N, C-alpha and C. Protein backbone atom coordinates (compact mmCIF):
# COMPACT_ATOMS: atom_id res chain seq x y z
N MET A 1 12.46 163.74 -85.59
CA MET A 1 11.20 162.87 -84.95
C MET A 1 10.36 163.64 -83.90
N LYS A 2 11.38 164.67 -83.34
CA LYS A 2 10.24 165.21 -82.28
C LYS A 2 9.28 166.51 -82.93
N LYS A 3 10.15 166.83 -83.90
CA LYS A 3 9.39 168.07 -84.95
C LYS A 3 8.30 167.49 -85.58
N LEU A 4 8.40 166.29 -85.92
CA LEU A 4 7.06 165.57 -86.41
C LEU A 4 6.08 165.48 -85.63
N LEU A 5 6.00 165.24 -84.52
CA LEU A 5 5.36 164.74 -83.35
C LEU A 5 4.77 166.18 -82.93
N THR A 6 5.58 167.25 -83.09
CA THR A 6 4.97 168.76 -82.64
C THR A 6 4.29 169.18 -83.69
N GLN A 7 4.29 169.20 -85.02
CA GLN A 7 3.51 169.52 -86.14
C GLN A 7 2.10 168.61 -86.17
N HIS A 8 2.10 167.11 -86.04
CA HIS A 8 1.10 166.74 -86.30
C HIS A 8 1.00 165.70 -85.03
N PRO A 9 0.47 166.07 -83.95
CA PRO A 9 0.52 165.23 -82.63
C PRO A 9 -1.28 164.08 -83.37
N TYR A 10 -2.21 164.98 -83.56
CA TYR A 10 -3.35 164.27 -83.49
C TYR A 10 -2.96 163.07 -84.80
N ALA A 11 -2.56 163.27 -86.09
CA ALA A 11 -2.51 162.44 -86.87
C ALA A 11 -1.73 161.59 -86.90
N ILE A 12 -0.49 161.50 -85.66
CA ILE A 12 0.14 160.05 -85.28
C ILE A 12 -0.46 159.42 -84.17
N THR A 13 -1.00 159.84 -83.29
CA THR A 13 -2.20 159.20 -82.14
C THR A 13 -3.23 158.70 -83.15
N SER A 14 -3.55 159.14 -84.44
CA SER A 14 -5.02 158.78 -84.47
C SER A 14 -4.13 157.34 -85.45
N ALA A 15 -3.08 157.52 -85.70
CA ALA A 15 -2.47 156.68 -86.69
C ALA A 15 -2.04 155.23 -85.58
N ILE A 16 -1.45 155.36 -84.56
CA ILE A 16 -0.95 154.47 -83.83
C ILE A 16 -2.41 153.45 -83.17
N PHE A 17 -3.32 154.53 -82.96
CA PHE A 17 -4.39 154.21 -82.60
C PHE A 17 -5.15 152.77 -84.02
N LEU A 18 -5.49 153.36 -84.87
CA LEU A 18 -6.16 152.58 -86.13
C LEU A 18 -5.17 151.38 -86.43
N ILE A 19 -3.59 151.56 -85.77
CA ILE A 19 -2.62 150.03 -86.35
C ILE A 19 -3.19 149.10 -84.95
N LEU A 20 -3.59 150.13 -84.02
CA LEU A 20 -3.88 148.84 -82.63
C LEU A 20 -5.24 148.04 -83.14
N LEU A 21 -6.15 149.18 -82.95
CA LEU A 21 -7.58 148.75 -84.06
C LEU A 21 -7.09 147.51 -84.81
N ILE A 22 -6.36 147.65 -85.51
CA ILE A 22 -6.71 147.09 -87.21
C ILE A 22 -5.99 145.44 -86.53
N PHE A 23 -4.93 145.72 -85.50
CA PHE A 23 -4.28 144.22 -84.64
C PHE A 23 -5.02 143.66 -84.19
N GLY A 24 -5.85 144.31 -83.35
CA GLY A 24 -7.15 143.64 -82.31
C GLY A 24 -7.85 143.03 -83.06
N PHE A 25 -8.55 143.30 -84.36
CA PHE A 25 -9.00 142.94 -85.14
C PHE A 25 -8.70 141.46 -85.40
N LEU A 26 -7.41 141.64 -86.11
CA LEU A 26 -7.05 140.76 -87.05
C LEU A 26 -6.66 139.54 -86.52
N GLN A 27 -5.26 139.79 -84.67
CA GLN A 27 -4.76 138.89 -84.35
C GLN A 27 -5.77 139.06 -83.46
N LEU A 28 -6.04 139.52 -82.40
CA LEU A 28 -6.83 139.21 -80.85
C LEU A 28 -8.20 138.88 -81.16
N ASN A 29 -9.00 139.12 -82.14
CA ASN A 29 -10.29 138.58 -82.11
C ASN A 29 -10.95 139.61 -81.06
N TRP A 30 -11.03 140.76 -80.94
CA TRP A 30 -11.72 141.57 -80.36
C TRP A 30 -13.16 141.83 -80.00
N ARG A 31 -13.66 141.91 -79.22
CA ARG A 31 -15.17 142.14 -78.82
C ARG A 31 -15.23 143.95 -79.00
N LYS A 32 -16.94 143.54 -79.08
CA LYS A 32 -17.51 145.23 -78.93
C LYS A 32 -16.45 146.09 -77.90
N ASP A 33 -16.87 144.77 -76.46
CA ASP A 33 -16.66 146.20 -75.37
C ASP A 33 -14.78 146.23 -75.69
N ASP A 34 -13.88 145.93 -76.23
CA ASP A 34 -12.67 146.06 -76.65
C ASP A 34 -12.54 147.12 -77.56
N TYR A 35 -13.43 147.47 -78.44
CA TYR A 35 -13.65 148.42 -79.67
C TYR A 35 -13.81 149.62 -78.25
N MET A 36 -14.65 149.62 -77.67
CA MET A 36 -15.24 150.99 -77.00
C MET A 36 -14.29 151.34 -75.83
N PHE A 37 -13.31 150.40 -75.19
CA PHE A 37 -12.31 150.91 -74.15
C PHE A 37 -11.07 151.67 -74.97
N MET A 38 -10.93 151.22 -76.06
CA MET A 38 -9.97 151.72 -77.07
C MET A 38 -10.27 152.97 -77.24
N LEU A 39 -11.73 153.01 -78.05
CA LEU A 39 -12.19 154.83 -78.09
C LEU A 39 -11.91 155.65 -76.85
N LEU A 40 -12.07 155.02 -75.77
CA LEU A 40 -11.91 155.55 -74.49
C LEU A 40 -11.05 156.15 -74.31
N LEU A 41 -9.97 155.70 -74.32
CA LEU A 41 -8.65 155.50 -74.78
C LEU A 41 -8.03 156.57 -75.38
N TYR A 42 -8.74 156.73 -76.42
CA TYR A 42 -8.38 157.50 -77.48
C TYR A 42 -8.96 158.91 -77.21
N PHE A 43 -10.04 158.65 -76.79
CA PHE A 43 -10.62 160.48 -76.53
C PHE A 43 -9.93 160.96 -75.00
N ILE A 44 -9.08 160.08 -74.12
CA ILE A 44 -8.38 160.75 -73.21
C ILE A 44 -6.97 160.94 -73.72
N VAL A 45 -6.31 160.25 -74.67
CA VAL A 45 -5.19 160.95 -75.56
C VAL A 45 -5.35 161.87 -76.11
N THR A 46 -6.34 162.00 -76.61
CA THR A 46 -6.28 163.21 -77.78
C THR A 46 -6.84 164.46 -76.58
N LEU A 47 -7.67 164.35 -75.48
CA LEU A 47 -7.93 165.13 -74.50
C LEU A 47 -6.34 165.47 -74.37
N GLY A 48 -5.90 164.75 -73.82
CA GLY A 48 -4.25 165.14 -72.72
C GLY A 48 -3.40 166.21 -74.16
N ILE A 49 -3.80 165.28 -75.21
CA ILE A 49 -2.45 166.16 -76.43
C ILE A 49 -2.94 167.51 -76.42
N ARG A 50 -4.37 168.00 -76.57
CA ARG A 50 -4.69 169.15 -76.39
C ARG A 50 -4.73 169.90 -75.28
N LEU A 51 -4.79 169.36 -74.18
CA LEU A 51 -4.25 169.95 -72.82
C LEU A 51 -2.91 170.57 -72.56
N ASP A 52 -2.24 169.37 -73.28
CA ASP A 52 -0.67 170.07 -73.52
C ASP A 52 -0.77 170.53 -74.49
N ASP A 53 -1.06 171.12 -75.23
CA ASP A 53 -1.27 171.89 -76.22
C ASP A 53 -1.27 173.25 -75.82
N ILE A 54 -2.37 173.40 -74.77
CA ILE A 54 -3.08 174.67 -74.69
C ILE A 54 -2.07 175.37 -73.22
N ALA A 55 -1.64 174.18 -72.72
CA ALA A 55 -0.57 174.40 -71.64
C ALA A 55 0.53 174.95 -72.08
N ARG A 56 1.05 174.83 -73.38
CA ARG A 56 2.27 175.15 -74.08
C ARG A 56 2.46 176.67 -74.84
N GLN A 57 0.76 177.05 -74.95
CA GLN A 57 0.34 178.15 -75.43
C GLN A 57 0.28 179.13 -74.51
N LEU A 58 -0.20 178.75 -73.44
CA LEU A 58 0.05 179.87 -71.81
C LEU A 58 1.42 179.95 -71.48
N GLY A 59 1.85 179.33 -72.18
CA GLY A 59 3.13 179.07 -70.73
C GLY A 59 4.56 180.51 -72.30
N SER A 60 4.05 180.26 -73.32
CA SER A 60 4.94 180.81 -73.87
C SER A 60 4.39 182.45 -74.48
N GLY A 61 2.97 182.33 -74.45
CA GLY A 61 2.55 183.68 -74.68
C GLY A 61 1.76 185.17 -73.51
N ARG A 62 2.99 185.04 -72.57
CA ARG A 62 2.67 185.81 -71.56
C ARG A 62 3.37 187.42 -71.32
N GLN A 63 2.83 188.58 -72.28
CA GLN A 63 3.35 189.25 -72.32
C GLN A 63 2.59 190.51 -71.40
N ALA A 64 1.65 190.66 -71.00
CA ALA A 64 0.96 191.55 -70.57
C ALA A 64 -0.11 190.92 -69.43
N PRO A 65 -0.39 191.60 -68.74
CA PRO A 65 -1.21 190.48 -67.52
C PRO A 65 -2.67 190.67 -68.05
N THR A 66 -3.30 191.36 -68.90
CA THR A 66 -4.48 191.52 -69.12
C THR A 66 -4.61 190.20 -70.23
N ASP A 67 -3.64 190.14 -71.58
CA ASP A 67 -3.41 189.55 -72.41
C ASP A 67 -3.17 187.63 -71.37
N SER A 68 -2.70 187.78 -70.80
CA SER A 68 -2.76 186.18 -70.07
C SER A 68 -3.88 185.68 -69.25
N ASP A 69 -4.75 186.90 -68.75
CA ASP A 69 -5.87 186.94 -68.09
C ASP A 69 -7.43 185.88 -69.28
N GLU A 70 -7.46 186.93 -70.53
CA GLU A 70 -8.00 186.64 -71.80
C GLU A 70 -7.65 185.03 -72.09
N ASP A 71 -5.78 184.67 -72.02
CA ASP A 71 -5.60 183.42 -71.98
C ASP A 71 -5.82 182.60 -71.92
N VAL A 72 -5.89 182.59 -70.62
CA VAL A 72 -6.09 181.59 -69.79
C VAL A 72 -8.32 181.00 -70.02
N LEU A 73 -8.67 182.46 -69.96
CA LEU A 73 -9.93 182.33 -69.94
C LEU A 73 -10.70 181.20 -71.25
N SER A 74 -9.55 181.73 -72.28
CA SER A 74 -9.89 181.16 -73.61
C SER A 74 -9.87 179.93 -73.92
N ALA A 75 -8.39 179.42 -72.70
CA ALA A 75 -8.35 178.21 -72.51
C ALA A 75 -9.11 177.64 -72.21
N LEU A 76 -9.73 177.54 -71.15
CA LEU A 76 -11.06 177.30 -70.12
C LEU A 76 -12.17 176.89 -70.94
N GLN A 77 -12.22 177.74 -71.86
CA GLN A 77 -13.29 177.87 -72.59
C GLN A 77 -13.11 176.38 -73.78
N GLN A 78 -12.13 176.62 -73.96
CA GLN A 78 -11.59 175.16 -74.76
C GLN A 78 -11.66 174.09 -74.20
N ILE A 79 -11.29 173.98 -73.27
CA ILE A 79 -11.09 172.95 -72.15
C ILE A 79 -12.48 172.75 -71.98
N GLN A 80 -13.63 173.56 -71.95
CA GLN A 80 -15.20 173.04 -71.36
C GLN A 80 -15.16 172.74 -72.68
N MET A 81 -15.11 173.33 -73.68
CA MET A 81 -15.64 172.52 -75.35
C MET A 81 -15.40 170.62 -75.67
N THR A 82 -13.93 170.98 -75.43
CA THR A 82 -13.41 169.66 -75.30
C THR A 82 -14.26 168.46 -74.56
N LEU A 83 -14.51 169.05 -73.66
CA LEU A 83 -14.99 167.91 -72.23
C LEU A 83 -16.11 167.76 -72.54
N GLY A 84 -17.35 168.88 -72.99
CA GLY A 84 -18.44 168.93 -73.90
C GLY A 84 -18.60 167.86 -74.90
N GLU A 85 -17.68 167.83 -75.92
CA GLU A 85 -17.91 166.96 -76.99
C GLU A 85 -17.60 165.74 -76.89
N THR A 86 -16.43 165.60 -75.69
CA THR A 86 -16.07 164.03 -75.33
C THR A 86 -17.29 163.38 -74.66
N ASN A 87 -18.12 164.24 -73.53
CA ASN A 87 -19.15 163.79 -72.80
C ASN A 87 -20.24 163.59 -73.78
N HIS A 88 -20.55 164.37 -74.68
CA HIS A 88 -21.54 163.94 -76.01
C HIS A 88 -21.58 162.71 -76.36
N ARG A 89 -20.17 162.65 -76.92
CA ARG A 89 -19.63 161.56 -77.55
C ARG A 89 -19.70 159.91 -76.69
N LEU A 90 -19.35 160.11 -75.83
CA LEU A 90 -19.48 158.70 -74.50
C LEU A 90 -21.32 158.82 -74.27
N GLN A 91 -21.41 159.79 -74.26
CA GLN A 91 -23.16 159.46 -74.11
C GLN A 91 -23.60 158.72 -75.15
N HIS A 92 -23.41 159.46 -76.31
CA HIS A 92 -23.86 158.93 -77.66
C HIS A 92 -23.70 157.14 -77.69
N ILE A 93 -22.34 156.80 -77.33
CA ILE A 93 -21.81 155.25 -77.00
C ILE A 93 -22.72 154.81 -76.06
N GLN A 94 -23.02 155.43 -74.92
CA GLN A 94 -23.80 154.68 -73.87
C GLN A 94 -25.03 154.32 -74.42
N ASN A 95 -25.17 155.18 -74.99
CA ASN A 95 -26.90 155.00 -75.84
C ASN A 95 -26.85 154.07 -76.95
N HIS A 96 -25.94 153.83 -77.68
CA HIS A 96 -26.06 152.92 -78.35
C HIS A 96 -25.79 151.08 -78.06
N LEU A 97 -25.29 151.03 -76.84
CA LEU A 97 -24.55 150.27 -76.21
C LEU A 97 -26.25 149.81 -75.44
N ASP A 98 -27.04 150.21 -74.94
CA ASP A 98 -28.05 150.79 -73.75
C ASP A 98 -28.98 149.84 -75.10
N GLN A 99 -29.33 150.71 -75.93
CA GLN A 99 -30.41 150.51 -77.19
C GLN A 99 -30.19 148.47 -78.05
N ASP A 100 -28.56 148.58 -77.92
CA ASP A 100 -28.46 147.02 -78.57
C ASP A 100 -28.65 145.72 -77.87
N PRO A 101 -29.45 144.97 -77.88
CA PRO A 101 -30.12 143.79 -77.25
C PRO A 101 -28.65 142.44 -77.45
N ASP A 102 -28.02 142.39 -78.24
CA ASP A 102 -26.48 141.85 -78.47
C ASP A 102 -25.70 142.29 -77.38
N ASN A 103 -25.79 143.01 -76.60
CA ASN A 103 -24.66 143.48 -75.73
C ASN A 103 -24.83 142.50 -74.74
């Protein structure tokens, strides 16, 4: 089970959130705000998985000081890119919610 989780963390996380969304739709009669909150939680969990993956890569691959500096800079660039994508998606959701008069 641990090997499956380490090989496919995003697929398993996506499946869990999809099951939660379907359960919320069928059994709990969720509204749009509930789905937006679940989407936010999904982004946070996915970012956490990515940061854990980056930390694991940094911890296992230190041979030379110059390589580790490049690894840290590369990891920071990946973090910045991931945060930028998340911010863009959240801004898109916010713009969509601001335009929707049914909210």
